[in-house]
Amino acid sequence: MAASPQHIVVMGVSGSGKTTLAATLAERLGYTFAEADDYHPRANVEKMSAGIPLTDADREPWLRTLSRWLQAEDVAGRSSVMTCSALKRRYRDILREGLPDLIFIHLDGSLELLSERMVHRIGHFMPASLLRSQLQTLEALEPDEHGIVFDVGRSPEELVAAAQEFVTT
């Protein structure tokens, strides 16, 4: 009998390297990849582009869309890796609906390092001015959540190798 599909969310604030890690990890594992930012409704993107933080009410429909995507991949028998800030426990609970074994890889770093990365990032709608509000909103993974925290000061290659080891052992 084939193993059940595995689903991974690479989480953290903007500028933490979620997309780099998730896309590379998905490619190495042969999993489907999704960038959660691609699922934001236009109103959310416009709000963030204007430097206005999203509210829980703004995020909930987006998170439910992401949860449905993860569940559809599971039903189809495909393993997946998704990026998503997943800043609060309740957001992660929405993502985890129907997928109790959902794995979270939290990319964490200092305000200074993350700010530096965001200043040099090209083509993303999220302004560096929202980083502080994201860090204030961020709730650490709790002991009953299946996940791990990695320091983004490590090289992308080290992070991918550590993530791959975590999810395959």
N, C-alpha and C. Protein backbone atom coordinates (compact mmCIF):
# COMPACT_ATOMS: atom_id res chain seq x y z
N MET A 1 0.84 -1.19 0.00
CA MET A 1 0.00 0.00 0.00
C MET A 1 0.89 1.25 0.00
N ALA A 2 0.50 2.24 -0.78
CA ALA A 2 1.29 3.47 -0.89
C ALA A 2 1.17 4.29 0.39
N ALA A 3 2.23 5.03 0.69
CA ALA A 3 2.21 5.91 1.86
C ALA A 3 1.23 7.04 1.63
N SER A 4 0.67 7.56 2.71
CA SER A 4 -0.23 8.71 2.61
C SER A 4 0.55 9.92 2.14
N PRO A 5 -0.13 10.84 1.44
CA PRO A 5 0.55 12.07 1.01
C PRO A 5 1.02 12.86 2.23
N GLN A 6 2.09 13.59 2.03
CA GLN A 6 2.66 14.43 3.08
C GLN A 6 2.47 15.89 2.67
N HIS A 7 2.14 16.75 3.64
CA HIS A 7 1.90 18.16 3.34
C HIS A 7 2.71 19.02 4.30
N ILE A 8 3.39 20.00 3.70
CA ILE A 8 4.32 20.85 4.44
C ILE A 8 3.98 22.31 4.17
N VAL A 9 3.94 23.11 5.22
CA VAL A 9 3.78 24.56 5.07
C VAL A 9 5.06 25.21 5.57
N VAL A 10 5.70 25.97 4.70
CA VAL A 10 6.88 26.75 5.09
C VAL A 10 6.35 28.11 5.50
N MET A 11 6.52 28.44 6.78
CA MET A 11 5.90 29.63 7.36
C MET A 11 6.93 30.63 7.85
N GLY A 12 6.46 31.83 8.08
CA GLY A 12 7.30 32.89 8.63
C GLY A 12 6.88 34.22 8.05
N VAL A 13 7.48 35.26 8.56
CA VAL A 13 7.16 36.61 8.11
C VAL A 13 7.73 36.85 6.72
N SER A 14 7.31 37.93 6.13
CA SER A 14 7.80 38.31 4.81
C SER A 14 9.31 38.51 4.86
N GLY A 15 9.98 38.06 3.82
CA GLY A 15 11.43 38.22 3.74
C GLY A 15 12.22 37.11 4.38
N SER A 16 11.53 36.10 4.93
CA SER A 16 12.25 35.03 5.62
C SER A 16 12.80 33.96 4.68
N GLY A 17 12.40 33.99 3.42
CA GLY A 17 12.91 33.01 2.46
C GLY A 17 11.99 31.83 2.24
N LYS A 18 10.71 32.01 2.55
CA LYS A 18 9.75 30.91 2.42
C LYS A 18 9.72 30.33 1.00
N THR A 19 9.63 31.20 0.01
CA THR A 19 9.50 30.73 -1.37
C THR A 19 10.74 29.98 -1.82
N THR A 20 11.90 30.52 -1.51
CA THR A 20 13.15 29.86 -1.91
C THR A 20 13.23 28.45 -1.33
N LEU A 21 12.97 28.34 -0.03
CA LEU A 21 13.04 27.03 0.62
C LEU A 21 11.95 26.10 0.10
N ALA A 22 10.71 26.58 0.07
CA ALA A 22 9.59 25.71 -0.30
C ALA A 22 9.70 25.21 -1.73
N ALA A 23 10.04 26.09 -2.66
CA ALA A 23 10.13 25.67 -4.07
C ALA A 23 11.24 24.64 -4.26
N THR A 24 12.38 24.86 -3.61
CA THR A 24 13.50 23.92 -3.75
C THR A 24 13.17 22.59 -3.08
N LEU A 25 12.56 22.66 -1.90
CA LEU A 25 12.19 21.43 -1.19
C LEU A 25 11.17 20.63 -2.01
N ALA A 26 10.17 21.31 -2.54
CA ALA A 26 9.16 20.63 -3.35
C ALA A 26 9.80 19.95 -4.56
N GLU A 27 10.71 20.65 -5.21
CA GLU A 27 11.39 20.08 -6.38
C GLU A 27 12.19 18.84 -6.00
N ARG A 28 12.94 18.93 -4.91
CA ARG A 28 13.77 17.78 -4.49
C ARG A 28 12.94 16.57 -4.10
N LEU A 29 11.79 16.83 -3.47
CA LEU A 29 10.95 15.74 -3.00
C LEU A 29 9.96 15.26 -4.06
N GLY A 30 9.82 16.03 -5.14
CA GLY A 30 8.84 15.69 -6.17
C GLY A 30 7.42 16.00 -5.74
N TYR A 31 7.24 16.99 -4.87
CA TYR A 31 5.93 17.37 -4.35
C TYR A 31 5.38 18.55 -5.16
N THR A 32 4.07 18.71 -5.12
CA THR A 32 3.43 19.87 -5.71
C THR A 32 3.78 21.10 -4.87
N PHE A 33 3.96 22.25 -5.53
CA PHE A 33 4.32 23.49 -4.84
C PHE A 33 3.21 24.53 -5.02
N ALA A 34 2.92 25.27 -3.96
CA ALA A 34 1.98 26.39 -4.03
C ALA A 34 2.53 27.58 -3.25
N GLU A 35 2.42 28.73 -3.86
CA GLU A 35 2.80 30.01 -3.24
C GLU A 35 1.51 30.65 -2.74
N ALA A 36 1.34 30.71 -1.42
CA ALA A 36 0.08 31.22 -0.85
C ALA A 36 -0.24 32.64 -1.29
N ASP A 37 0.78 33.46 -1.50
CA ASP A 37 0.52 34.84 -1.92
C ASP A 37 -0.27 34.89 -3.23
N ASP A 38 -0.13 33.87 -4.08
CA ASP A 38 -0.85 33.83 -5.35
C ASP A 38 -2.36 33.65 -5.15
N TYR A 39 -2.78 33.28 -3.95
CA TYR A 39 -4.18 33.03 -3.66
C TYR A 39 -4.86 34.19 -2.92
N HIS A 40 -4.11 35.25 -2.63
CA HIS A 40 -4.71 36.41 -1.97
C HIS A 40 -5.71 37.08 -2.91
N PRO A 41 -6.87 37.48 -2.40
CA PRO A 41 -7.77 38.27 -3.23
C PRO A 41 -7.15 39.65 -3.51
N ARG A 42 -7.57 40.24 -4.59
CA ARG A 42 -7.03 41.54 -5.00
C ARG A 42 -7.09 42.58 -3.86
N ALA A 43 -8.18 42.59 -3.11
CA ALA A 43 -8.33 43.57 -2.02
C ALA A 43 -7.21 43.42 -0.98
N ASN A 44 -6.83 42.19 -0.67
CA ASN A 44 -5.74 41.97 0.29
C ASN A 44 -4.42 42.50 -0.27
N VAL A 45 -4.15 42.22 -1.53
CA VAL A 45 -2.89 42.67 -2.15
C VAL A 45 -2.86 44.19 -2.17
N GLU A 46 -3.96 44.82 -2.52
CA GLU A 46 -4.01 46.29 -2.55
C GLU A 46 -3.79 46.88 -1.17
N LYS A 47 -4.38 46.26 -0.17
CA LYS A 47 -4.23 46.73 1.20
C LYS A 47 -2.76 46.64 1.64
N MET A 48 -2.15 45.48 1.42
CA MET A 48 -0.75 45.30 1.81
C MET A 48 0.16 46.22 1.01
N SER A 49 -0.10 46.36 -0.28
CA SER A 49 0.71 47.25 -1.13
C SER A 49 0.68 48.68 -0.63
N ALA A 50 -0.44 49.06 -0.02
CA ALA A 50 -0.59 50.41 0.53
C ALA A 50 0.00 50.53 1.93
N GLY A 51 0.59 49.42 2.44
CA GLY A 51 1.22 49.45 3.76
C GLY A 51 0.24 49.26 4.90
N ILE A 52 -0.94 48.73 4.60
CA ILE A 52 -1.96 48.50 5.62
C ILE A 52 -1.96 47.02 6.00
N PRO A 53 -1.75 46.71 7.28
CA PRO A 53 -1.73 45.30 7.70
C PRO A 53 -3.11 44.65 7.51
N LEU A 54 -3.11 43.38 7.16
CA LEU A 54 -4.35 42.64 7.05
C LEU A 54 -4.91 42.33 8.43
N THR A 55 -6.23 42.27 8.51
CA THR A 55 -6.90 41.87 9.74
C THR A 55 -7.18 40.36 9.67
N ASP A 56 -7.61 39.80 10.79
CA ASP A 56 -8.01 38.39 10.78
C ASP A 56 -9.15 38.17 9.81
N ALA A 57 -10.08 39.13 9.72
CA ALA A 57 -11.21 39.00 8.79
C ALA A 57 -10.73 39.00 7.34
N ASP A 58 -9.67 39.78 7.04
CA ASP A 58 -9.09 39.77 5.69
C ASP A 58 -8.46 38.42 5.38
N ARG A 59 -7.81 37.84 6.37
CA ARG A 59 -7.04 36.62 6.15
C ARG A 59 -7.88 35.35 6.09
N GLU A 60 -9.00 35.33 6.83
CA GLU A 60 -9.72 34.06 6.96
C GLU A 60 -10.16 33.45 5.63
N PRO A 61 -10.81 34.18 4.71
CA PRO A 61 -11.20 33.54 3.44
C PRO A 61 -9.99 33.02 2.66
N TRP A 62 -8.89 33.76 2.71
CA TRP A 62 -7.65 33.34 2.05
C TRP A 62 -7.14 32.03 2.66
N LEU A 63 -7.11 31.97 3.99
CA LEU A 63 -6.64 30.76 4.67
C LEU A 63 -7.54 29.56 4.36
N ARG A 64 -8.83 29.79 4.26
CA ARG A 64 -9.76 28.71 3.93
C ARG A 64 -9.53 28.21 2.51
N THR A 65 -9.20 29.12 1.60
CA THR A 65 -8.85 28.73 0.23
C THR A 65 -7.60 27.86 0.23
N LEU A 66 -6.61 28.26 1.02
CA LEU A 66 -5.37 27.48 1.11
C LEU A 66 -5.64 26.10 1.71
N SER A 67 -6.47 26.05 2.73
CA SER A 67 -6.81 24.78 3.35
C SER A 67 -7.50 23.85 2.36
N ARG A 68 -8.42 24.41 1.56
CA ARG A 68 -9.09 23.59 0.54
C ARG A 68 -8.09 23.07 -0.49
N TRP A 69 -7.12 23.91 -0.84
CA TRP A 69 -6.10 23.48 -1.80
C TRP A 69 -5.31 22.29 -1.24
N LEU A 70 -4.87 22.42 0.02
CA LEU A 70 -4.13 21.33 0.66
C LEU A 70 -4.97 20.05 0.72
N GLN A 71 -6.23 20.18 1.09
CA GLN A 71 -7.10 19.01 1.17
C GLN A 71 -7.31 18.37 -0.20
N ALA A 72 -7.44 19.19 -1.24
CA ALA A 72 -7.60 18.65 -2.60
C ALA A 72 -6.36 17.88 -3.03
N GLU A 73 -5.19 18.39 -2.69
CA GLU A 73 -3.95 17.67 -3.01
C GLU A 73 -3.93 16.33 -2.28
N ASP A 74 -4.38 16.34 -1.04
CA ASP A 74 -4.40 15.11 -0.25
C ASP A 74 -5.35 14.09 -0.87
N VAL A 75 -6.55 14.52 -1.22
CA VAL A 75 -7.54 13.63 -1.83
C VAL A 75 -7.01 13.06 -3.14
N ALA A 76 -6.26 13.88 -3.88
CA ALA A 76 -5.69 13.44 -5.16
C ALA A 76 -4.48 12.53 -4.97
N GLY A 77 -4.03 12.37 -3.72
CA GLY A 77 -2.90 11.50 -3.45
C GLY A 77 -1.55 12.14 -3.72
N ARG A 78 -1.53 13.48 -3.83
CA ARG A 78 -0.29 14.20 -4.10
C ARG A 78 0.23 14.85 -2.83
N SER A 79 1.51 14.72 -2.57
CA SER A 79 2.17 15.43 -1.47
C SER A 79 2.44 16.86 -1.93
N SER A 80 2.51 17.79 -0.95
CA SER A 80 2.65 19.20 -1.33
C SER A 80 3.51 19.98 -0.35
N VAL A 81 4.04 21.08 -0.88
CA VAL A 81 4.75 22.07 -0.07
C VAL A 81 4.13 23.42 -0.43
N MET A 82 3.73 24.16 0.60
CA MET A 82 3.10 25.46 0.41
C MET A 82 3.81 26.50 1.26
N THR A 83 3.94 27.69 0.71
CA THR A 83 4.39 28.81 1.53
C THR A 83 3.16 29.46 2.13
N CYS A 84 3.27 29.93 3.35
CA CYS A 84 2.19 30.70 3.97
C CYS A 84 2.76 31.32 5.24
N SER A 85 2.50 32.58 5.46
CA SER A 85 3.02 33.22 6.67
C SER A 85 2.56 32.48 7.92
N ALA A 86 1.30 32.05 7.97
CA ALA A 86 0.76 31.25 9.09
C ALA A 86 1.18 31.83 10.43
N LEU A 87 0.98 33.13 10.59
CA LEU A 87 1.53 33.85 11.74
C LEU A 87 0.92 33.47 13.09
N LYS A 88 -0.35 33.11 13.10
CA LYS A 88 -1.02 32.80 14.37
C LYS A 88 -1.43 31.32 14.42
N ARG A 89 -1.54 30.84 15.64
CA ARG A 89 -1.99 29.45 15.85
C ARG A 89 -3.33 29.22 15.17
N ARG A 90 -4.26 30.15 15.31
CA ARG A 90 -5.59 29.93 14.72
C ARG A 90 -5.52 29.87 13.20
N TYR A 91 -4.56 30.57 12.58
CA TYR A 91 -4.38 30.46 11.13
C TYR A 91 -3.89 29.06 10.78
N ARG A 92 -2.94 28.58 11.57
CA ARG A 92 -2.41 27.23 11.33
C ARG A 92 -3.48 26.17 11.55
N ASP A 93 -4.37 26.42 12.53
CA ASP A 93 -5.47 25.48 12.77
C ASP A 93 -6.39 25.40 11.55
N ILE A 94 -6.63 26.53 10.89
CA ILE A 94 -7.45 26.51 9.67
C ILE A 94 -6.74 25.69 8.59
N LEU A 95 -5.45 25.92 8.41
CA LEU A 95 -4.70 25.16 7.40
C LEU A 95 -4.70 23.67 7.71
N ARG A 96 -4.69 23.35 8.99
CA ARG A 96 -4.59 21.95 9.44
C ARG A 96 -5.93 21.20 9.36
N GLU A 97 -7.04 21.90 9.11
CA GLU A 97 -8.35 21.25 9.07
C GLU A 97 -8.33 20.09 8.08
N GLY A 98 -8.65 18.93 8.58
CA GLY A 98 -8.67 17.73 7.74
C GLY A 98 -7.29 17.13 7.49
N LEU A 99 -6.26 17.81 7.95
CA LEU A 99 -4.88 17.33 7.75
C LEU A 99 -4.13 17.41 9.09
N PRO A 100 -4.45 16.56 10.04
CA PRO A 100 -3.85 16.67 11.37
C PRO A 100 -2.33 16.49 11.39
N ASP A 101 -1.77 15.87 10.35
CA ASP A 101 -0.33 15.64 10.30
C ASP A 101 0.41 16.72 9.51
N LEU A 102 -0.25 17.83 9.22
CA LEU A 102 0.39 18.92 8.48
C LEU A 102 1.67 19.35 9.20
N ILE A 103 2.75 19.48 8.44
CA ILE A 103 4.07 19.84 8.99
C ILE A 103 4.32 21.31 8.73
N PHE A 104 4.82 22.01 9.75
CA PHE A 104 5.19 23.42 9.61
C PHE A 104 6.70 23.57 9.75
N ILE A 105 7.29 24.27 8.81
CA ILE A 105 8.70 24.65 8.90
C ILE A 105 8.72 26.16 9.04
N HIS A 106 9.08 26.62 10.23
CA HIS A 106 9.05 28.06 10.53
C HIS A 106 10.44 28.65 10.31
N LEU A 107 10.52 29.58 9.38
CA LEU A 107 11.77 30.30 9.12
C LEU A 107 11.77 31.57 9.96
N ASP A 108 12.73 31.68 10.85
CA ASP A 108 12.78 32.75 11.84
C ASP A 108 14.08 33.52 11.73
N GLY A 109 14.01 34.82 11.96
CA GLY A 109 15.22 35.63 11.91
C GLY A 109 15.01 36.96 12.60
N SER A 110 16.09 37.69 12.75
CA SER A 110 16.04 38.98 13.45
C SER A 110 15.38 40.04 12.57
N LEU A 111 14.84 41.05 13.20
CA LEU A 111 14.25 42.18 12.49
C LEU A 111 15.26 42.80 11.54
N GLU A 112 16.50 42.92 11.98
CA GLU A 112 17.53 43.54 11.15
C GLU A 112 17.80 42.73 9.88
N LEU A 113 17.98 41.43 10.02
CA LEU A 113 18.26 40.58 8.86
C LEU A 113 17.06 40.57 7.90
N LEU A 114 15.87 40.41 8.44
CA LEU A 114 14.68 40.35 7.60
C LEU A 114 14.45 41.68 6.88
N SER A 115 14.66 42.79 7.58
CA SER A 115 14.51 44.12 6.97
C SER A 115 15.49 44.29 5.82
N GLU A 116 16.72 43.87 6.04
CA GLU A 116 17.75 43.98 5.00
C GLU A 116 17.34 43.18 3.75
N ARG A 117 16.82 41.99 3.96
CA ARG A 117 16.39 41.16 2.84
C ARG A 117 15.23 41.83 2.08
N MET A 118 14.29 42.38 2.82
CA MET A 118 13.11 42.97 2.18
C MET A 118 13.47 44.22 1.38
N VAL A 119 14.42 44.98 1.86
CA VAL A 119 14.83 46.20 1.16
C VAL A 119 15.38 45.85 -0.23
N HIS A 120 16.05 44.71 -0.34
CA HIS A 120 16.69 44.32 -1.60
C HIS A 120 15.82 43.41 -2.46
N ARG A 121 14.62 43.10 -2.00
CA ARG A 121 13.73 42.22 -2.75
C ARG A 121 13.04 43.01 -3.86
N ILE A 122 12.95 42.40 -5.01
CA ILE A 122 12.37 43.06 -6.18
C ILE A 122 11.08 42.35 -6.57
N GLY A 123 10.06 43.13 -6.92
CA GLY A 123 8.86 42.58 -7.50
C GLY A 123 7.88 41.96 -6.53
N HIS A 124 7.92 42.31 -5.26
CA HIS A 124 6.97 41.77 -4.30
C HIS A 124 6.12 42.90 -3.76
N PHE A 125 4.82 42.63 -3.56
CA PHE A 125 3.89 43.68 -3.14
C PHE A 125 4.03 44.08 -1.68
N MET A 126 4.64 43.24 -0.85
CA MET A 126 4.70 43.50 0.59
C MET A 126 5.81 44.49 0.91
N PRO A 127 5.46 45.69 1.41
CA PRO A 127 6.50 46.66 1.76
C PRO A 127 7.18 46.30 3.08
N ALA A 128 8.44 46.69 3.20
CA ALA A 128 9.21 46.42 4.43
C ALA A 128 8.56 47.07 5.65
N SER A 129 7.75 48.09 5.43
CA SER A 129 7.10 48.79 6.55
C SER A 129 6.14 47.88 7.32
N LEU A 130 5.68 46.78 6.72
CA LEU A 130 4.76 45.88 7.41
C LEU A 130 5.46 44.78 8.19
N LEU A 131 6.78 44.71 8.08
CA LEU A 131 7.52 43.64 8.76
C LEU A 131 7.32 43.68 10.27
N ARG A 132 7.43 44.85 10.86
CA ARG A 132 7.29 44.96 12.32
C ARG A 132 5.91 44.45 12.78
N SER A 133 4.83 44.78 12.05
CA SER A 133 3.50 44.32 12.45
C SER A 133 3.40 42.80 12.31
N GLN A 134 4.05 42.24 11.29
CA GLN A 134 4.04 40.78 11.14
C GLN A 134 4.77 40.13 12.32
N LEU A 135 5.90 40.68 12.70
CA LEU A 135 6.66 40.10 13.83
C LEU A 135 5.87 40.21 15.13
N GLN A 136 5.11 41.29 15.30
CA GLN A 136 4.28 41.45 16.50
C GLN A 136 3.12 40.46 16.51
N THR A 137 2.62 40.11 15.33
CA THR A 137 1.50 39.17 15.19
C THR A 137 1.95 37.72 15.34
N LEU A 138 3.18 37.42 14.97
CA LEU A 138 3.70 36.05 14.93
C LEU A 138 3.58 35.35 16.28
N GLU A 139 2.98 34.17 16.25
CA GLU A 139 2.91 33.30 17.42
C GLU A 139 3.75 32.06 17.12
N ALA A 140 4.66 31.75 18.02
CA ALA A 140 5.55 30.60 17.83
C ALA A 140 4.75 29.31 17.76
N LEU A 141 5.34 28.33 17.07
CA LEU A 141 4.75 26.99 17.06
C LEU A 141 4.61 26.50 18.49
N GLU A 142 3.52 25.85 18.78
CA GLU A 142 3.29 25.30 20.12
C GLU A 142 3.74 23.84 20.14
N PRO A 143 4.01 23.31 21.33
CA PRO A 143 4.53 21.94 21.43
C PRO A 143 3.68 20.88 20.74
N ASP A 144 2.36 21.08 20.65
CA ASP A 144 1.51 20.08 20.02
C ASP A 144 1.40 20.25 18.50
N GLU A 145 2.11 21.24 17.94
CA GLU A 145 2.10 21.43 16.49
C GLU A 145 3.30 20.70 15.89
N HIS A 146 3.06 19.96 14.82
CA HIS A 146 4.12 19.20 14.17
C HIS A 146 4.96 20.17 13.34
N GLY A 147 6.14 20.50 13.84
CA GLY A 147 6.96 21.44 13.09
C GLY A 147 8.32 21.65 13.71
N ILE A 148 9.06 22.54 13.06
CA ILE A 148 10.42 22.85 13.48
C ILE A 148 10.71 24.30 13.11
N VAL A 149 11.63 24.92 13.84
CA VAL A 149 12.03 26.30 13.57
C VAL A 149 13.47 26.30 13.09
N PHE A 150 13.72 27.02 12.00
CA PHE A 150 15.07 27.18 11.47
C PHE A 150 15.43 28.66 11.45
N ASP A 151 16.68 28.95 11.78
CA ASP A 151 17.20 30.31 11.73
C ASP A 151 17.57 30.64 10.29
N VAL A 152 17.02 31.74 9.78
CA VAL A 152 17.26 32.11 8.38
C VAL A 152 18.65 32.68 8.15
N GLY A 153 19.45 32.76 9.18
CA GLY A 153 20.84 33.17 9.00
C GLY A 153 21.67 32.09 8.33
N ARG A 154 21.13 30.87 8.27
CA ARG A 154 21.81 29.77 7.59
C ARG A 154 21.67 29.96 6.08
N SER A 155 22.54 29.31 5.33
CA SER A 155 22.47 29.41 3.86
C SER A 155 21.22 28.69 3.36
N PRO A 156 20.71 29.11 2.20
CA PRO A 156 19.55 28.41 1.64
C PRO A 156 19.79 26.91 1.48
N GLU A 157 20.98 26.53 1.04
CA GLU A 157 21.29 25.10 0.86
C GLU A 157 21.24 24.35 2.20
N GLU A 158 21.78 24.96 3.26
CA GLU A 158 21.73 24.33 4.58
C GLU A 158 20.28 24.18 5.05
N LEU A 159 19.47 25.20 4.80
CA LEU A 159 18.07 25.16 5.21
C LEU A 159 17.30 24.07 4.47
N VAL A 160 17.51 23.97 3.18
CA VAL A 160 16.83 22.94 2.39
C VAL A 160 17.24 21.55 2.88
N ALA A 161 18.53 21.35 3.09
CA ALA A 161 19.01 20.04 3.56
C ALA A 161 18.41 19.70 4.93
N ALA A 162 18.37 20.67 5.83
CA ALA A 162 17.80 20.43 7.16
C ALA A 162 16.31 20.15 7.08
N ALA A 163 15.60 20.91 6.23
CA ALA A 163 14.17 20.69 6.06
C ALA A 163 13.90 19.32 5.47
N GLN A 164 14.66 18.95 4.47
CA GLN A 164 14.48 17.63 3.84
C GLN A 164 14.72 16.51 4.85
N GLU A 165 15.74 16.67 5.64
CA GLU A 165 16.03 15.64 6.67
C GLU A 165 14.88 15.57 7.66
N PHE A 166 14.34 16.73 8.09
CA PHE A 166 13.26 16.75 9.07
C PHE A 166 12.02 16.05 8.55
N VAL A 167 11.65 16.31 7.30
CA VAL A 167 10.38 15.77 6.79
C VAL A 167 10.50 14.33 6.29
N THR A 168 11.71 13.83 6.12
CA THR A 168 11.87 12.46 5.62
C THR A 168 12.31 11.49 6.69
N THR A 169 12.49 11.94 7.92
CA THR A 169 12.89 11.01 8.99
C THR A 169 11.78 10.81 10.00
